[in-house]
Amino acid sequence: MLCLAALHEVVLYRPELRGAIKAGLERIDLSKYKDSMSPLIKKDMDELLELIDW
């Protein structure tokens, strides 16, 4: 189970964890999720990566 929304606050308040979170996001295999969920997870991942790179 993914909880990407919770990572937004972690990224904001624990910047030292950004590298580990980014590495974890890059390892997520979207193919193992249902077709209806993959785009939603991808959107959350993209938002989180944008926040990390900000």
PDB file of N, CA and C in Angstrom:
ATOM      1  N   MET A   1       0.840  -1.191   0.000  1.00  0.00           N
ATOM      2  CA  MET A   1       0.000   0.000   0.000  1.00  0.00           C
ATOM      3  C   MET A   1       0.879   1.246   0.000  1.00  0.00           C
ATOM      4  N   LEU A   2       0.580   2.133  -0.878  1.00  0.00           N
ATOM      5  CA  LEU A   2       1.319   3.386  -0.973  1.00  0.00           C
ATOM      6  C   LEU A   2       0.598   4.489  -0.221  1.00  0.00           C
ATOM      7  N   CYS A   3       1.351   5.338   0.409  1.00  0.00           N
ATOM      8  CA  CYS A   3       0.779   6.511   1.057  1.00  0.00           C
ATOM      9  C   CYS A   3       1.636   7.713   0.672  1.00  0.00           C
ATOM     10  N   LEU A   4       1.563   8.061  -0.592  1.00  0.00           N
ATOM     11  CA  LEU A   4       2.398   9.134  -1.107  1.00  0.00           C
ATOM     12  C   LEU A   4       2.002  10.489  -0.545  1.00  0.00           C
ATOM     13  N   ALA A   5       0.730  10.673  -0.235  1.00  0.00           N
ATOM     14  CA  ALA A   5       0.271  11.955   0.295  1.00  0.00           C
ATOM     15  C   ALA A   5       0.970  12.299   1.604  1.00  0.00           C
ATOM     16  N   ALA A   6       1.219  11.313   2.426  1.00  0.00           N
ATOM     17  CA  ALA A   6       1.882  11.555   3.709  1.00  0.00           C
ATOM     18  C   ALA A   6       3.327  12.004   3.516  1.00  0.00           C
ATOM     19  N   LEU A   7       3.928  11.647   2.400  1.00  0.00           N
ATOM     20  CA  LEU A   7       5.322  12.010   2.157  1.00  0.00           C
ATOM     21  C   LEU A   7       5.504  13.489   1.828  1.00  0.00           C
ATOM     22  N   HIS A   8       4.421  14.166   1.434  1.00  0.00           N
ATOM     23  CA  HIS A   8       4.531  15.600   1.157  1.00  0.00           C
ATOM     24  C   HIS A   8       5.034  16.350   2.392  1.00  0.00           C
ATOM     25  N   GLU A   9       4.463  16.045   3.528  1.00  0.00           N
ATOM     26  CA  GLU A   9       4.878  16.719   4.762  1.00  0.00           C
ATOM     27  C   GLU A   9       6.284  16.307   5.171  1.00  0.00           C
ATOM     28  N   VAL A  10       6.617  15.059   4.950  1.00  0.00           N
ATOM     29  CA  VAL A  10       7.966  14.596   5.281  1.00  0.00           C
ATOM     30  C   VAL A  10       8.988  15.374   4.453  1.00  0.00           C
ATOM     31  N   VAL A  11       8.715  15.529   3.171  1.00  0.00           N
ATOM     32  CA  VAL A  11       9.628  16.262   2.285  1.00  0.00           C
ATOM     33  C   VAL A  11       9.783  17.715   2.745  1.00  0.00           C
ATOM     34  N   LEU A  12       8.692  18.317   3.185  1.00  0.00           N
ATOM     35  CA  LEU A  12       8.743  19.716   3.613  1.00  0.00           C
ATOM     36  C   LEU A  12       9.523  19.910   4.906  1.00  0.00           C
ATOM     37  N   TYR A  13       9.320  19.003   5.850  1.00  0.00           N
ATOM     38  CA  TYR A  13       9.881  19.206   7.188  1.00  0.00           C
ATOM     39  C   TYR A  13      11.128  18.382   7.495  1.00  0.00           C
ATOM     40  N   ARG A  14      11.466  17.445   6.622  1.00  0.00           N
ATOM     41  CA  ARG A  14      12.674  16.629   6.816  1.00  0.00           C
ATOM     42  C   ARG A  14      13.463  16.595   5.507  1.00  0.00           C
ATOM     43  N   PRO A  15      14.029  17.718   5.120  1.00  0.00           N
ATOM     44  CA  PRO A  15      14.723  17.788   3.822  1.00  0.00           C
ATOM     45  C   PRO A  15      15.858  16.784   3.670  1.00  0.00           C
ATOM     46  N   GLU A  16      16.413  16.324   4.772  1.00  0.00           N
ATOM     47  CA  GLU A  16      17.503  15.346   4.684  1.00  0.00           C
ATOM     48  C   GLU A  16      17.023  13.993   4.160  1.00  0.00           C
ATOM     49  N   LEU A  17      15.717  13.786   4.125  1.00  0.00           N
ATOM     50  CA  LEU A  17      15.162  12.522   3.630  1.00  0.00           C
ATOM     51  C   LEU A  17      14.766  12.580   2.154  1.00  0.00           C
ATOM     52  N   ARG A  18      14.917  13.734   1.540  1.00  0.00           N
ATOM     53  CA  ARG A  18      14.486  13.898   0.145  1.00  0.00           C
ATOM     54  C   ARG A  18      15.155  12.907  -0.800  1.00  0.00           C
ATOM     55  N   GLY A  19      16.438  12.693  -0.640  1.00  0.00           N
ATOM     56  CA  GLY A  19      17.154  11.766  -1.521  1.00  0.00           C
ATOM     57  C   GLY A  19      16.628  10.347  -1.408  1.00  0.00           C
ATOM     58  N   ALA A  20      16.386   9.904  -0.194  1.00  0.00           N
ATOM     59  CA  ALA A  20      15.875   8.544   0.023  1.00  0.00           C
ATOM     60  C   ALA A  20      14.462   8.402  -0.524  1.00  0.00           C
ATOM     61  N   ILE A  21      13.650   9.434  -0.347  1.00  0.00           N
ATOM     62  CA  ILE A  21      12.274   9.392  -0.856  1.00  0.00           C
ATOM     63  C   ILE A  21      12.289   9.369  -2.380  1.00  0.00           C
ATOM     64  N   LYS A  22      13.132  10.200  -2.975  1.00  0.00           N
ATOM     65  CA  LYS A  22      13.224  10.233  -4.439  1.00  0.00           C
ATOM     66  C   LYS A  22      13.678   8.881  -4.980  1.00  0.00           C
ATOM     67  N   ALA A  23      14.659   8.280  -4.332  1.00  0.00           N
ATOM     68  CA  ALA A  23      15.135   6.961  -4.762  1.00  0.00           C
ATOM     69  C   ALA A  23      14.023   5.924  -4.651  1.00  0.00           C
ATOM     70  N   GLY A  24      13.250   5.996  -3.598  1.00  0.00           N
ATOM     71  CA  GLY A  24      12.133   5.069  -3.424  1.00  0.00           C
ATOM     72  C   GLY A  24      11.068   5.256  -4.489  1.00  0.00           C
ATOM     73  N   LEU A  25      10.781   6.500  -4.817  1.00  0.00           N
ATOM     74  CA  LEU A  25       9.793   6.779  -5.860  1.00  0.00           C
ATOM     75  C   LEU A  25      10.241   6.220  -7.204  1.00  0.00           C
ATOM     76  N   GLU A  26      11.522   6.325  -7.478  1.00  0.00           N
ATOM     77  CA  GLU A  26      12.047   5.834  -8.755  1.00  0.00           C
ATOM     78  C   GLU A  26      12.007   4.312  -8.851  1.00  0.00           C
ATOM     79  N   ARG A  27      11.886   3.633  -7.732  1.00  0.00           N
ATOM     80  CA  ARG A  27      11.820   2.164  -7.736  1.00  0.00           C
ATOM     81  C   ARG A  27      10.385   1.626  -7.803  1.00  0.00           C
ATOM     82  N   ILE A  28       9.395   2.500  -7.718  1.00  0.00           N
ATOM     83  CA  ILE A  28       8.005   2.036  -7.753  1.00  0.00           C
ATOM     84  C   ILE A  28       7.681   1.507  -9.145  1.00  0.00           C
ATOM     85  N   ASP A  29       7.159   0.306  -9.200  1.00  0.00           N
ATOM     86  CA  ASP A  29       6.777  -0.341 -10.457  1.00  0.00           C
ATOM     87  C   ASP A  29       5.267  -0.195 -10.637  1.00  0.00           C
ATOM     88  N   LEU A  30       4.865   0.740 -11.490  1.00  0.00           N
ATOM     89  CA  LEU A  30       3.442   1.008 -11.694  1.00  0.00           C
ATOM     90  C   LEU A  30       2.717  -0.144 -12.377  1.00  0.00           C
ATOM     91  N   SER A  31       3.435  -1.030 -13.035  1.00  0.00           N
ATOM     92  CA  SER A  31       2.796  -2.128 -13.761  1.00  0.00           C
ATOM     93  C   SER A  31       2.114  -3.129 -12.828  1.00  0.00           C
ATOM     94  N   LYS A  32       2.457  -3.120 -11.568  1.00  0.00           N
ATOM     95  CA  LYS A  32       1.828  -4.083 -10.659  1.00  0.00           C
ATOM     96  C   LYS A  32       0.517  -3.568 -10.061  1.00  0.00           C
ATOM     97  N   TYR A  33       0.122  -2.363 -10.442  1.00  0.00           N
ATOM     98  CA  TYR A  33      -1.140  -1.795  -9.969  1.00  0.00           C
ATOM     99  C   TYR A  33      -2.180  -1.860 -11.078  1.00  0.00           C
ATOM    100  N   LYS A  34      -3.432  -1.857 -10.697  1.00  0.00           N
ATOM    101  CA  LYS A  34      -4.516  -1.899 -11.677  1.00  0.00           C
ATOM    102  C   LYS A  34      -4.442  -0.683 -12.592  1.00  0.00           C
ATOM    103  N   ASP A  35      -4.934  -0.875 -13.825  1.00  0.00           N
ATOM    104  CA  ASP A  35      -4.920   0.208 -14.808  1.00  0.00           C
ATOM    105  C   ASP A  35      -5.658   1.446 -14.314  1.00  0.00           C
ATOM    106  N   SER A  36      -6.660   1.246 -13.489  1.00  0.00           N
ATOM    107  CA  SER A  36      -7.421   2.383 -12.976  1.00  0.00           C
ATOM    108  C   SER A  36      -6.650   3.155 -11.906  1.00  0.00           C
ATOM    109  N   MET A  37      -5.693   2.503 -11.261  1.00  0.00           N
ATOM    110  CA  MET A  37      -4.933   3.143 -10.189  1.00  0.00           C
ATOM    111  C   MET A  37      -3.602   3.727 -10.662  1.00  0.00           C
ATOM    112  N   SER A  38      -3.016   3.138 -11.673  1.00  0.00           N
ATOM    113  CA  SER A  38      -1.687   3.570 -12.138  1.00  0.00           C
ATOM    114  C   SER A  38      -1.592   5.065 -12.439  1.00  0.00           C
ATOM    115  N   PRO A  39      -2.553   5.640 -13.182  1.00  0.00           N
ATOM    116  CA  PRO A  39      -2.439   7.081 -13.470  1.00  0.00           C
ATOM    117  C   PRO A  39      -2.527   7.943 -12.208  1.00  0.00           C
ATOM    118  N   LEU A  40      -3.309   7.512 -11.255  1.00  0.00           N
ATOM    119  CA  LEU A  40      -3.447   8.274 -10.011  1.00  0.00           C
ATOM    120  C   LEU A  40      -2.158   8.225  -9.197  1.00  0.00           C
ATOM    121  N   ILE A  41      -1.565   7.054  -9.137  1.00  0.00           N
ATOM    122  CA  ILE A  41      -0.300   6.901  -8.418  1.00  0.00           C
ATOM    123  C   ILE A  41       0.790   7.701  -9.123  1.00  0.00           C
ATOM    124  N   LYS A  42       0.815   7.637 -10.454  1.00  0.00           N
ATOM    125  CA  LYS A  42       1.803   8.384 -11.239  1.00  0.00           C
ATOM    126  C   LYS A  42       1.665   9.882 -10.990  1.00  0.00           C
ATOM    127  N   LYS A  43       0.447  10.371 -10.925  1.00  0.00           N
ATOM    128  CA  LYS A  43       0.200  11.789 -10.658  1.00  0.00           C
ATOM    129  C   LYS A  43       0.745  12.171  -9.288  1.00  0.00           C
ATOM    130  N   ASP A  44       0.463  11.355  -8.286  1.00  0.00           N
ATOM    131  CA  ASP A  44       0.979  11.616  -6.937  1.00  0.00           C
ATOM    132  C   ASP A  44       2.507  11.592  -6.919  1.00  0.00           C
ATOM    133  N   MET A  45       3.083  10.647  -7.637  1.00  0.00           N
ATOM    134  CA  MET A  45       4.546  10.554  -7.706  1.00  0.00           C
ATOM    135  C   MET A  45       5.140  11.804  -8.351  1.00  0.00           C
ATOM    136  N   ASP A  46       4.535  12.250  -9.453  1.00  0.00           N
ATOM    137  CA  ASP A  46       5.038  13.431 -10.159  1.00  0.00           C
ATOM    138  C   ASP A  46       4.961  14.678  -9.281  1.00  0.00           C
ATOM    139  N   GLU A  47       3.858  14.825  -8.541  1.00  0.00           N
ATOM    140  CA  GLU A  47       3.708  15.968  -7.639  1.00  0.00           C
ATOM    141  C   GLU A  47       4.770  15.936  -6.546  1.00  0.00           C
ATOM    142  N   LEU A  48       5.019  14.769  -6.026  1.00  0.00           N
ATOM    143  CA  LEU A  48       6.008  14.625  -4.965  1.00  0.00           C
ATOM    144  C   LEU A  48       7.421  14.900  -5.490  1.00  0.00           C
ATOM    145  N   LEU A  49       7.737  14.394  -6.672  1.00  0.00           N
ATOM    146  CA  LEU A  49       9.052  14.653  -7.273  1.00  0.00           C
ATOM    147  C   LEU A  49       9.244  16.141  -7.559  1.00  0.00           C
ATOM    148  N   GLU A  50       8.183  16.797  -7.984  1.00  0.00           N
ATOM    149  CA  GLU A  50       8.254  18.239  -8.232  1.00  0.00           C
ATOM    150  C   GLU A  50       8.542  18.988  -6.927  1.00  0.00           C
ATOM    151  N   LEU A  51       7.915  18.564  -5.855  1.00  0.00           N
ATOM    152  CA  LEU A  51       8.142  19.176  -4.548  1.00  0.00           C
ATOM    153  C   LEU A  51       9.581  18.937  -4.078  1.00  0.00           C
ATOM    154  N   ILE A  52      10.090  17.748  -4.314  1.00  0.00           N
ATOM    155  CA  ILE A  52      11.468  17.422  -3.920  1.00  0.00           C
ATOM    156  C   ILE A  52      12.460  18.285  -4.692  1.00  0.00           C
ATOM    157  N   ASP A  53      12.224  18.461  -5.981  1.00  0.00           N
ATOM    158  CA  ASP A  53      13.153  19.208  -6.831  1.00  0.00           C
ATOM    159  C   ASP A  53      12.981  20.718  -6.724  1.00  0.00           C
ATOM    160  N   TRP A  54      12.011  21.171  -5.976  1.00  0.00           N
ATOM    161  CA  TRP A  54      11.722  22.594  -5.816  1.00  0.00           C
ATOM    162  C   TRP A  54      12.757  23.275  -5.076  1.00  0.00           C
TER     163      TRP A  54
END
